[in-house]
């Protein structure tokens, strides 16, 4: 088996892991933006229904965080599954004949 091919596949999976982590951090950052917006909306806009907007921003923040976490876990499982097949293509090719 070509060791360069196996190395290339391992590096590709490592890049995918890093991309998955970066995506999760982006979801976390966006969630924190909505959290900060919820914290500051009542002070910036002195309105009667400022509490409703605050709860809305908090809810959006939690939803974005939960969605990002679920997405991260799902992708991590897929990546773990694909690690099993590194260097396995020669065997699959021979078994098809």
PDB file of N, CA and C in Angstrom:
ATOM      1  N   UNK A   1       0.852  -1.186   0.000  1.00  0.00           N
ATOM      2  CA  UNK A   1       0.000   0.000   0.000  1.00  0.00           C
ATOM      3  C   UNK A   1       0.883   1.229   0.000  1.00  0.00           C
ATOM      4  N   UNK A   2       0.492   2.214  -0.740  1.00  0.00           N
ATOM      5  CA  UNK A   2       1.249   3.447  -0.850  1.00  0.00           C
ATOM      6  C   UNK A   2       1.114   4.252   0.441  1.00  0.00           C
ATOM      7  N   UNK A   3       2.241   4.445   1.145  1.00  0.00           N
ATOM      8  CA  UNK A   3       2.192   5.156   2.425  1.00  0.00           C
ATOM      9  C   UNK A   3       1.896   6.634   2.249  1.00  0.00           C
ATOM     10  N   UNK A   4       2.213   7.203   1.082  1.00  0.00           N
ATOM     11  CA  UNK A   4       1.874   8.600   0.817  1.00  0.00           C
ATOM     12  C   UNK A   4       0.358   8.792   0.775  1.00  0.00           C
ATOM     13  N   UNK A   5      -0.330   7.814   0.206  1.00  0.00           N
ATOM     14  CA  UNK A   5      -1.782   7.879   0.138  1.00  0.00           C
ATOM     15  C   UNK A   5      -2.384   7.836   1.542  1.00  0.00           C
ATOM     16  N   UNK A   6      -1.882   6.967   2.401  1.00  0.00           N
ATOM     17  CA  UNK A   6      -2.378   6.869   3.767  1.00  0.00           C
ATOM     18  C   UNK A   6      -2.104   8.165   4.527  1.00  0.00           C
ATOM     19  N   UNK A   7      -0.917   8.740   4.350  1.00  0.00           N
ATOM     20  CA  UNK A   7      -0.583  10.000   5.004  1.00  0.00           C
ATOM     21  C   UNK A   7      -1.514  11.114   4.526  1.00  0.00           C
ATOM     22  N   UNK A   8      -1.755  11.160   3.230  1.00  0.00           N
ATOM     23  CA  UNK A   8      -2.644  12.173   2.665  1.00  0.00           C
ATOM     24  C   UNK A   8      -4.051  12.037   3.228  1.00  0.00           C
ATOM     25  N   UNK A   9      -4.516  10.806   3.373  1.00  0.00           N
ATOM     26  CA  UNK A   9      -5.854  10.572   3.935  1.00  0.00           C
ATOM     27  C   UNK A   9      -5.909  10.988   5.401  1.00  0.00           C
ATOM     28  N   UNK A  10      -4.875  10.689   6.156  1.00  0.00           N
ATOM     29  CA  UNK A  10      -4.832  11.098   7.568  1.00  0.00           C
ATOM     30  C   UNK A  10      -4.822  12.613   7.704  1.00  0.00           C
ATOM     31  N   UNK A  11      -4.065  13.281   6.844  1.00  0.00           N
ATOM     32  CA  UNK A  11      -4.024  14.740   6.889  1.00  0.00           C
ATOM     33  C   UNK A  11      -5.374  15.346   6.484  1.00  0.00           C
ATOM     34  N   UNK A  12      -6.030  14.725   5.521  1.00  0.00           N
ATOM     35  CA  UNK A  12      -7.353  15.207   5.108  1.00  0.00           C
ATOM     36  C   UNK A  12      -8.354  15.068   6.248  1.00  0.00           C
ATOM     37  N   UNK A  13      -8.285  13.964   6.974  1.00  0.00           N
ATOM     38  CA  UNK A  13      -9.195  13.789   8.108  1.00  0.00           C
ATOM     39  C   UNK A  13      -8.871  14.788   9.206  1.00  0.00           C
ATOM     40  N   UNK A  14      -7.596  15.062   9.429  1.00  0.00           N
ATOM     41  CA  UNK A  14      -7.235  16.051  10.445  1.00  0.00           C
ATOM     42  C   UNK A  14      -7.754  17.440  10.063  1.00  0.00           C
ATOM     43  N   UNK A  15      -7.675  17.792   8.782  1.00  0.00           N
ATOM     44  CA  UNK A  15      -8.233  19.072   8.329  1.00  0.00           C
ATOM     45  C   UNK A  15      -9.743  19.108   8.535  1.00  0.00           C
ATOM     46  N   UNK A  16     -10.404  17.976   8.312  1.00  0.00           N
ATOM     47  CA  UNK A  16     -11.846  17.901   8.517  1.00  0.00           C
ATOM     48  C   UNK A  16     -12.199  18.062   9.986  1.00  0.00           C
ATOM     49  N   UNK A  17     -11.405  17.476  10.875  1.00  0.00           N
ATOM     50  CA  UNK A  17     -11.627  17.631  12.312  1.00  0.00           C
ATOM     51  C   UNK A  17     -11.488  19.096  12.703  1.00  0.00           C
ATOM     52  N   UNK A  18     -10.456  19.747  12.202  1.00  0.00           N
ATOM     53  CA  UNK A  18     -10.247  21.163  12.518  1.00  0.00           C
ATOM     54  C   UNK A  18     -11.363  22.033  11.948  1.00  0.00           C
ATOM     55  N   UNK A  19     -11.849  21.704  10.764  1.00  0.00           N
ATOM     56  CA  UNK A  19     -12.952  22.459  10.175  1.00  0.00           C
ATOM     57  C   UNK A  19     -14.222  22.282  11.001  1.00  0.00           C
ATOM     58  N   UNK A  20     -14.444  21.073  11.509  1.00  0.00           N
ATOM     59  CA  UNK A  20     -15.600  20.819  12.354  1.00  0.00           C
ATOM     60  C   UNK A  20     -15.514  21.631  13.652  1.00  0.00           C
ATOM     61  N   UNK A  21     -14.341  21.690  14.244  1.00  0.00           N
ATOM     62  CA  UNK A  21     -14.154  22.471  15.466  1.00  0.00           C
ATOM     63  C   UNK A  21     -14.349  23.964  15.192  1.00  0.00           C
ATOM     64  N   UNK A  22     -13.855  24.423  14.063  1.00  0.00           N
ATOM     65  CA  UNK A  22     -14.015  25.832  13.701  1.00  0.00           C
ATOM     66  C   UNK A  22     -15.489  26.175  13.507  1.00  0.00           C
ATOM     67  N   UNK A  23     -16.230  25.264  12.889  1.00  0.00           N
ATOM     68  CA  UNK A  23     -17.654  25.487  12.688  1.00  0.00           C
ATOM     69  C   UNK A  23     -18.381  25.562  14.028  1.00  0.00           C
ATOM     70  N   UNK A  24     -18.026  24.673  14.954  1.00  0.00           N
ATOM     71  CA  UNK A  24     -18.654  24.724  16.276  1.00  0.00           C
ATOM     72  C   UNK A  24     -18.341  26.044  16.975  1.00  0.00           C
ATOM     73  N   UNK A  25     -17.112  26.486  16.874  1.00  0.00           N
ATOM     74  CA  UNK A  25     -16.754  27.756  17.506  1.00  0.00           C
ATOM     75  C   UNK A  25     -17.498  28.927  16.868  1.00  0.00           C
ATOM     76  N   UNK A  26     -17.789  28.844  15.586  1.00  0.00           N
ATOM     77  CA  UNK A  26     -18.581  29.886  14.925  1.00  0.00           C
ATOM     78  C   UNK A  26     -20.008  29.906  15.467  1.00  0.00           C
ATOM     79  N   UNK A  27     -20.585  28.722  15.661  1.00  0.00           N
ATOM     80  CA  UNK A  27     -21.912  28.659  16.266  1.00  0.00           C
ATOM     81  C   UNK A  27     -21.876  29.230  17.682  1.00  0.00           C
ATOM     82  N   UNK A  28     -20.843  28.899  18.431  1.00  0.00           N
ATOM     83  CA  UNK A  28     -20.710  29.401  19.796  1.00  0.00           C
ATOM     84  C   UNK A  28     -20.583  30.925  19.803  1.00  0.00           C
ATOM     85  N   UNK A  29     -19.793  31.462  18.900  1.00  0.00           N
ATOM     86  CA  UNK A  29     -19.616  32.915  18.815  1.00  0.00           C
ATOM     87  C   UNK A  29     -20.935  33.609  18.483  1.00  0.00           C
ATOM     88  N   UNK A  30     -21.675  33.060  17.523  1.00  0.00           N
ATOM     89  CA  UNK A  30     -22.960  33.643  17.152  1.00  0.00           C
ATOM     90  C   UNK A  30     -23.941  33.568  18.315  1.00  0.00           C
ATOM     91  N   UNK A  31     -23.930  32.458  19.020  1.00  0.00           N
ATOM     92  CA  UNK A  31     -24.787  32.307  20.190  1.00  0.00           C
ATOM     93  C   UNK A  31     -24.450  33.346  21.255  1.00  0.00           C
ATOM     94  N   UNK A  32     -23.175  33.600  21.449  1.00  0.00           N
ATOM     95  CA  UNK A  32     -22.767  34.592  22.440  1.00  0.00           C
ATOM     96  C   UNK A  32     -23.153  36.005  22.004  1.00  0.00           C
ATOM     97  N   UNK A  33     -23.149  36.287  20.694  1.00  0.00           N
ATOM     98  CA  UNK A  33     -23.605  37.589  20.209  1.00  0.00           C
ATOM     99  C   UNK A  33     -25.070  37.825  20.586  1.00  0.00           C
ATOM    100  N   UNK A  34     -25.885  36.802  20.387  1.00  0.00           N
ATOM    101  CA  UNK A  34     -27.290  36.946  20.745  1.00  0.00           C
ATOM    102  C   UNK A  34     -27.464  37.051  22.261  1.00  0.00           C
ATOM    103  N   UNK A  35     -26.624  36.360  23.013  1.00  0.00           N
ATOM    104  CA  UNK A  35     -26.680  36.459  24.470  1.00  0.00           C
ATOM    105  C   UNK A  35     -26.345  37.874  24.923  1.00  0.00           C
ATOM    106  N   UNK A  36     -25.308  38.449  24.362  1.00  0.00           N
ATOM    107  CA  UNK A  36     -24.922  39.825  24.706  1.00  0.00           C
ATOM    108  C   UNK A  36     -26.004  40.808  24.250  1.00  0.00           C
ATOM    109  N   UNK A  37     -26.606  40.548  23.105  1.00  0.00           N
ATOM    110  CA  UNK A  37     -27.696  41.410  22.634  1.00  0.00           C
ATOM    111  C   UNK A  37     -28.867  41.353  23.610  1.00  0.00           C
ATOM    112  N   UNK A  38     -29.152  40.163  24.116  1.00  0.00           N
ATOM    113  CA  UNK A  38     -30.218  40.035  25.091  1.00  0.00           C
ATOM    114  C   UNK A  38     -29.906  40.744  26.395  1.00  0.00           C
ATOM    115  N   UNK A  39     -28.638  40.714  26.787  1.00  0.00           N
ATOM    116  CA  UNK A  39     -28.250  41.394  28.018  1.00  0.00           C
ATOM    117  C   UNK A  39     -28.334  42.910  27.890  1.00  0.00           C
ATOM    118  N   UNK A  40     -28.024  43.419  26.717  1.00  0.00           N
ATOM    119  CA  UNK A  40     -27.940  44.872  26.565  1.00  0.00           C
ATOM    120  C   UNK A  40     -29.188  45.514  25.973  1.00  0.00           C
ATOM    121  N   UNK A  41     -30.124  44.730  25.455  1.00  0.00           N
ATOM    122  CA  UNK A  41     -31.273  45.315  24.757  1.00  0.00           C
ATOM    123  C   UNK A  41     -32.155  46.130  25.694  1.00  0.00           C
ATOM    124  N   UNK A  42     -32.297  45.667  26.910  1.00  0.00           N
ATOM    125  CA  UNK A  42     -33.164  46.371  27.857  1.00  0.00           C
ATOM    126  C   UNK A  42     -32.577  47.719  28.257  1.00  0.00           C
ATOM    127  N   UNK A  43     -31.273  47.778  28.369  1.00  0.00           N
ATOM    128  CA  UNK A  43     -30.636  49.033  28.752  1.00  0.00           C
ATOM    129  C   UNK A  43     -30.581  50.023  27.593  1.00  0.00           C
ATOM    130  N   UNK A  44     -30.416  49.522  26.383  1.00  0.00           N
ATOM    131  CA  UNK A  44     -30.323  50.406  25.224  1.00  0.00           C
ATOM    132  C   UNK A  44     -31.681  50.960  24.815  1.00  0.00           C
ATOM    133  N   UNK A  45     -32.657  50.092  24.775  1.00  0.00           N
ATOM    134  CA  UNK A  45     -34.005  50.505  24.384  1.00  0.00           C
ATOM    135  C   UNK A  45     -34.890  50.488  25.624  1.00  0.00           C
ATOM    136  N   UNK A  46     -35.156  51.629  26.126  1.00  0.00           N
ATOM    137  CA  UNK A  46     -35.998  51.694  27.314  1.00  0.00           C
ATOM    138  C   UNK A  46     -37.454  51.624  26.882  1.00  0.00           C
ATOM    139  N   UNK A  47     -37.883  50.386  26.637  1.00  0.00           N
ATOM    140  CA  UNK A  47     -39.238  50.139  26.162  1.00  0.00           C
ATOM    141  C   UNK A  47     -39.989  49.320  27.203  1.00  0.00           C
ATOM    142  N   UNK A  48     -41.312  49.315  27.064  1.00  0.00           N
ATOM    143  CA  UNK A  48     -42.131  48.539  27.982  1.00  0.00           C
ATOM    144  C   UNK A  48     -41.927  47.045  27.784  1.00  0.00           C
ATOM    145  N   UNK A  49     -41.834  46.628  26.536  1.00  0.00           N
ATOM    146  CA  UNK A  49     -41.683  45.201  26.249  1.00  0.00           C
ATOM    147  C   UNK A  49     -40.218  44.816  26.019  1.00  0.00           C
ATOM    148  N   UNK A  50     -39.317  45.488  26.695  1.00  0.00           N
ATOM    149  CA  UNK A  50     -37.895  45.161  26.591  1.00  0.00           C
ATOM    150  C   UNK A  50     -37.596  43.772  27.105  1.00  0.00           C
ATOM    151  N   UNK A  51     -38.355  43.327  28.107  1.00  0.00           N
ATOM    152  CA  UNK A  51     -38.159  41.983  28.649  1.00  0.00           C
ATOM    153  C   UNK A  51     -38.502  40.918  27.611  1.00  0.00           C
ATOM    154  N   UNK A  52     -39.515  41.171  26.803  1.00  0.00           N
ATOM    155  CA  UNK A  52     -39.891  40.215  25.760  1.00  0.00           C
ATOM    156  C   UNK A  52     -38.768  40.069  24.730  1.00  0.00           C
ATOM    157  N   UNK A  53     -38.178  41.188  24.342  1.00  0.00           N
ATOM    158  CA  UNK A  53     -37.044  41.125  23.413  1.00  0.00           C
ATOM    159  C   UNK A  53     -35.852  40.415  24.050  1.00  0.00           C
ATOM    160  N   UNK A  54     -35.648  40.653  25.313  1.00  0.00           N
ATOM    161  CA  UNK A  54     -34.540  40.015  26.029  1.00  0.00           C
ATOM    162  C   UNK A  54     -34.719  38.496  26.035  1.00  0.00           C
ATOM    163  N   UNK A  55     -35.905  38.040  26.344  1.00  0.00           N
ATOM    164  CA  UNK A  55     -36.189  36.605  26.347  1.00  0.00           C
ATOM    165  C   UNK A  55     -36.056  36.043  24.939  1.00  0.00           C
ATOM    166  N   UNK A  56     -36.486  36.796  23.934  1.00  0.00           N
ATOM    167  CA  UNK A  56     -36.359  36.348  22.545  1.00  0.00           C
ATOM    168  C   UNK A  56     -34.891  36.134  22.174  1.00  0.00           C
ATOM    169  N   UNK A  57     -34.044  37.098  22.509  1.00  0.00           N
ATOM    170  CA  UNK A  57     -32.621  36.955  22.190  1.00  0.00           C
ATOM    171  C   UNK A  57     -31.976  35.810  22.966  1.00  0.00           C
ATOM    172  N   UNK A  58     -32.363  35.625  24.219  1.00  0.00           N
ATOM    173  CA  UNK A  58     -31.849  34.496  25.002  1.00  0.00           C
ATOM    174  C   UNK A  58     -32.260  33.167  24.366  1.00  0.00           C
ATOM    175  N   UNK A  59     -33.510  33.093  23.934  1.00  0.00           N
ATOM    176  CA  UNK A  59     -34.009  31.859  23.308  1.00  0.00           C
ATOM    177  C   UNK A  59     -33.259  31.556  22.015  1.00  0.00           C
ATOM    178  N   UNK A  60     -33.068  32.584  21.205  1.00  0.00           N
ATOM    179  CA  UNK A  60     -32.324  32.390  19.957  1.00  0.00           C
ATOM    180  C   UNK A  60     -30.898  31.942  20.262  1.00  0.00           C
ATOM    181  N   UNK A  61     -30.295  32.525  21.274  1.00  0.00           N
ATOM    182  CA  UNK A  61     -28.943  32.156  21.667  1.00  0.00           C
ATOM    183  C   UNK A  61     -28.857  30.684  22.052  1.00  0.00           C
ATOM    184  N   UNK A  62     -29.794  30.235  22.848  1.00  0.00           N
ATOM    185  CA  UNK A  62     -29.798  28.828  23.284  1.00  0.00           C
ATOM    186  C   UNK A  62     -30.039  27.908  22.096  1.00  0.00           C
ATOM    187  N   UNK A  63     -30.972  28.269  21.215  1.00  0.00           N
ATOM    188  CA  UNK A  63     -31.251  27.431  20.047  1.00  0.00           C
ATOM    189  C   UNK A  63     -30.034  27.297  19.136  1.00  0.00           C
ATOM    190  N   UNK A  64     -29.352  28.395  18.894  1.00  0.00           N
ATOM    191  CA  UNK A  64     -28.160  28.351  18.043  1.00  0.00           C
ATOM    192  C   UNK A  64     -27.077  27.494  18.682  1.00  0.00           C
ATOM    193  N   UNK A  65     -26.891  27.633  19.991  1.00  0.00           N
ATOM    194  CA  UNK A  65     -25.870  26.837  20.676  1.00  0.00           C
ATOM    195  C   UNK A  65     -26.203  25.349  20.620  1.00  0.00           C
ATOM    196  N   UNK A  66     -27.450  24.994  20.887  1.00  0.00           N
ATOM    197  CA  UNK A  66     -27.855  23.579  20.875  1.00  0.00           C
ATOM    198  C   UNK A  66     -27.719  23.004  19.467  1.00  0.00           C
ATOM    199  N   UNK A  67     -28.145  23.759  18.454  1.00  0.00           N
ATOM    200  CA  UNK A  67     -28.012  23.286  17.085  1.00  0.00           C
ATOM    201  C   UNK A  67     -26.542  23.084  16.713  1.00  0.00           C
ATOM    202  N   UNK A  68     -25.691  24.032  17.103  1.00  0.00           N
ATOM    203  CA  UNK A  68     -24.258  23.906  16.819  1.00  0.00           C
ATOM    204  C   UNK A  68     -23.642  22.706  17.516  1.00  0.00           C
ATOM    205  N   UNK A  69     -24.055  22.448  18.749  1.00  0.00           N
ATOM    206  CA  UNK A  69     -23.536  21.301  19.495  1.00  0.00           C
ATOM    207  C   UNK A  69     -23.976  19.989  18.860  1.00  0.00           C
ATOM    208  N   UNK A  70     -25.246  19.906  18.481  1.00  0.00           N
ATOM    209  CA  UNK A  70     -25.740  18.684  17.825  1.00  0.00           C
ATOM    210  C   UNK A  70     -25.023  18.472  16.493  1.00  0.00           C
ATOM    211  N   UNK A  71     -24.845  19.529  15.738  1.00  0.00           N
ATOM    212  CA  UNK A  71     -24.136  19.443  14.454  1.00  0.00           C
ATOM    213  C   UNK A  71     -22.700  18.966  14.667  1.00  0.00           C
ATOM    214  N   UNK A  72     -22.031  19.505  15.674  1.00  0.00           N
ATOM    215  CA  UNK A  72     -20.648  19.120  15.961  1.00  0.00           C
ATOM    216  C   UNK A  72     -20.562  17.633  16.316  1.00  0.00           C
ATOM    217  N   UNK A  73     -21.452  17.164  17.175  1.00  0.00           N
ATOM    218  CA  UNK A  73     -21.420  15.761  17.600  1.00  0.00           C
ATOM    219  C   UNK A  73     -21.708  14.836  16.429  1.00  0.00           C
ATOM    220  N   UNK A  74     -22.688  15.200  15.601  1.00  0.00           N
ATOM    221  CA  UNK A  74     -23.020  14.386  14.429  1.00  0.00           C
ATOM    222  C   UNK A  74     -21.835  14.266  13.471  1.00  0.00           C
ATOM    223  N   UNK A  75     -21.215  15.404  13.174  1.00  0.00           N
ATOM    224  CA  UNK A  75     -20.078  15.398  12.255  1.00  0.00           C
ATOM    225  C   UNK A  75     -18.894  14.635  12.839  1.00  0.00           C
ATOM    226  N   UNK A  76     -18.681  14.761  14.153  1.00  0.00           N
ATOM    227  CA  UNK A  76     -17.577  14.042  14.799  1.00  0.00           C
ATOM    228  C   UNK A  76     -17.765  12.535  14.667  1.00  0.00           C
ATOM    229  N   UNK A  77     -19.002  12.061  14.810  1.00  0.00           N
ATOM    230  CA  UNK A  77     -19.273  10.629  14.631  1.00  0.00           C
ATOM    231  C   UNK A  77     -18.986  10.188  13.203  1.00  0.00           C
ATOM    232  N   UNK A  78     -19.378  11.018  12.225  1.00  0.00           N
ATOM    233  CA  UNK A  78     -19.104  10.678  10.827  1.00  0.00           C
ATOM    234  C   UNK A  78     -17.604  10.622  10.550  1.00  0.00           C
ATOM    235  N   UNK A  79     -16.869  11.544  11.149  1.00  0.00           N
ATOM    236  CA  UNK A  79     -15.417  11.563  10.959  1.00  0.00           C
ATOM    237  C   UNK A  79     -14.782  10.318  11.575  1.00  0.00           C
ATOM    238  N   UNK A  80     -15.246   9.936  12.752  1.00  0.00           N
ATOM    239  CA  UNK A  80     -14.721   8.728  13.399  1.00  0.00           C
ATOM    240  C   UNK A  80     -14.997   7.492  12.550  1.00  0.00           C
ATOM    241  N   UNK A  81     -16.175   7.448  11.929  1.00  0.00           N
ATOM    242  CA  UNK A  81     -16.505   6.324  11.059  1.00  0.00           C
ATOM    243  C   UNK A  81     -15.594   6.282   9.831  1.00  0.00           C
ATOM    244  N   UNK A  82     -15.260   7.441   9.288  1.00  0.00           N
ATOM    245  CA  UNK A  82     -14.438   7.461   8.081  1.00  0.00           C
ATOM    246  C   UNK A  82     -12.981   7.114   8.383  1.00  0.00           C
ATOM    247  N   UNK A  83     -12.546   7.251   9.637  1.00  0.00           N
ATOM    248  CA  UNK A  83     -11.165   6.894   9.984  1.00  0.00           C
ATOM    249  C   UNK A  83     -10.913   5.399   9.830  1.00  0.00           C
ATOM    250  N   UNK A  84     -11.953   4.599   9.930  1.00  0.00           N
ATOM    251  CA  UNK A  84     -11.792   3.146   9.808  1.00  0.00           C
ATOM    252  C   UNK A  84     -11.340   2.736   8.416  1.00  0.00           C
ATOM    253  N   UNK A  85     -11.658   3.547   7.431  1.00  0.00           N
ATOM    254  CA  UNK A  85     -11.437   3.159   6.035  1.00  0.00           C
ATOM    255  C   UNK A  85     -10.127   3.662   5.448  1.00  0.00           C
ATOM    256  N   UNK A  86      -9.279   4.259   6.254  1.00  0.00           N
ATOM    257  CA  UNK A  86      -8.010   4.761   5.732  1.00  0.00           C
ATOM    258  C   UNK A  86      -7.129   3.579   5.323  1.00  0.00           C
ATOM    259  N   UNK A  87      -6.640   3.631   4.118  1.00  0.00           N
ATOM    260  CA  UNK A  87      -5.759   2.585   3.616  1.00  0.00           C
ATOM    261  C   UNK A  87      -6.482   1.304   3.266  1.00  0.00           C
ATOM    262  N   UNK A  88      -7.791   1.335   3.244  1.00  0.00           N
ATOM    263  CA  UNK A  88      -8.593   0.143   3.041  1.00  0.00           C
ATOM    264  C   UNK A  88      -9.073   0.008   1.598  1.00  0.00           C
ATOM    265  N   UNK A  89      -8.710   0.954   0.740  1.00  0.00           N
ATOM    266  CA  UNK A  89      -9.262   0.974  -0.608  1.00  0.00           C
ATOM    267  C   UNK A  89      -8.740  -0.161  -1.479  1.00  0.00           C
ATOM    268  N   UNK A  90      -7.518  -0.579  -1.264  1.00  0.00           N
ATOM    269  CA  UNK A  90      -6.961  -1.660  -2.055  1.00  0.00           C
ATOM    270  C   UNK A  90      -7.727  -2.942  -1.784  1.00  0.00           C
ATOM    271  N   UNK A  91      -8.053  -3.189  -0.540  1.00  0.00           N
ATOM    272  CA  UNK A  91      -8.818  -4.396  -0.187  1.00  0.00           C
ATOM    273  C   UNK A  91     -10.221  -4.342  -0.770  1.00  0.00           C
ATOM    274  N   UNK A  92     -10.862  -3.182  -0.733  1.00  0.00           N
ATOM    275  CA  UNK A  92     -12.200  -3.047  -1.304  1.00  0.00           C
ATOM    276  C   UNK A  92     -12.162  -3.256  -2.817  1.00  0.00           C
ATOM    277  N   UNK A  93     -11.140  -2.745  -3.467  1.00  0.00           N
ATOM    278  CA  UNK A  93     -11.023  -2.878  -4.920  1.00  0.00           C
ATOM    279  C   UNK A  93     -10.835  -4.345  -5.297  1.00  0.00           C
ATOM    280  N   UNK A  94     -10.015  -5.068  -4.556  1.00  0.00           N
ATOM    281  CA  UNK A  94      -9.777  -6.464  -4.878  1.00  0.00           C
ATOM    282  C   UNK A  94     -10.986  -7.337  -4.594  1.00  0.00           C
ATOM    283  N   UNK A  95     -11.772  -6.992  -3.601  1.00  0.00           N
ATOM    284  CA  UNK A  95     -12.924  -7.815  -3.247  1.00  0.00           C
ATOM    285  C   UNK A  95     -14.092  -7.633  -4.225  1.00  0.00           C
ATOM    286  N   UNK A  96     -14.104  -6.550  -4.998  1.00  0.00           N
ATOM    287  CA  UNK A  96     -15.185  -6.305  -5.938  1.00  0.00           C
ATOM    288  C   UNK A  96     -15.070  -7.176  -7.189  1.00  0.00           C
ATOM    289  N   UNK A  97     -13.912  -7.649  -7.485  1.00  0.00           N
ATOM    290  CA  UNK A  97     -13.708  -8.415  -8.722  1.00  0.00           C
ATOM    291  C   UNK A  97     -14.206  -9.824  -8.627  1.00  0.00           C
TER     292      UNK A  97
END
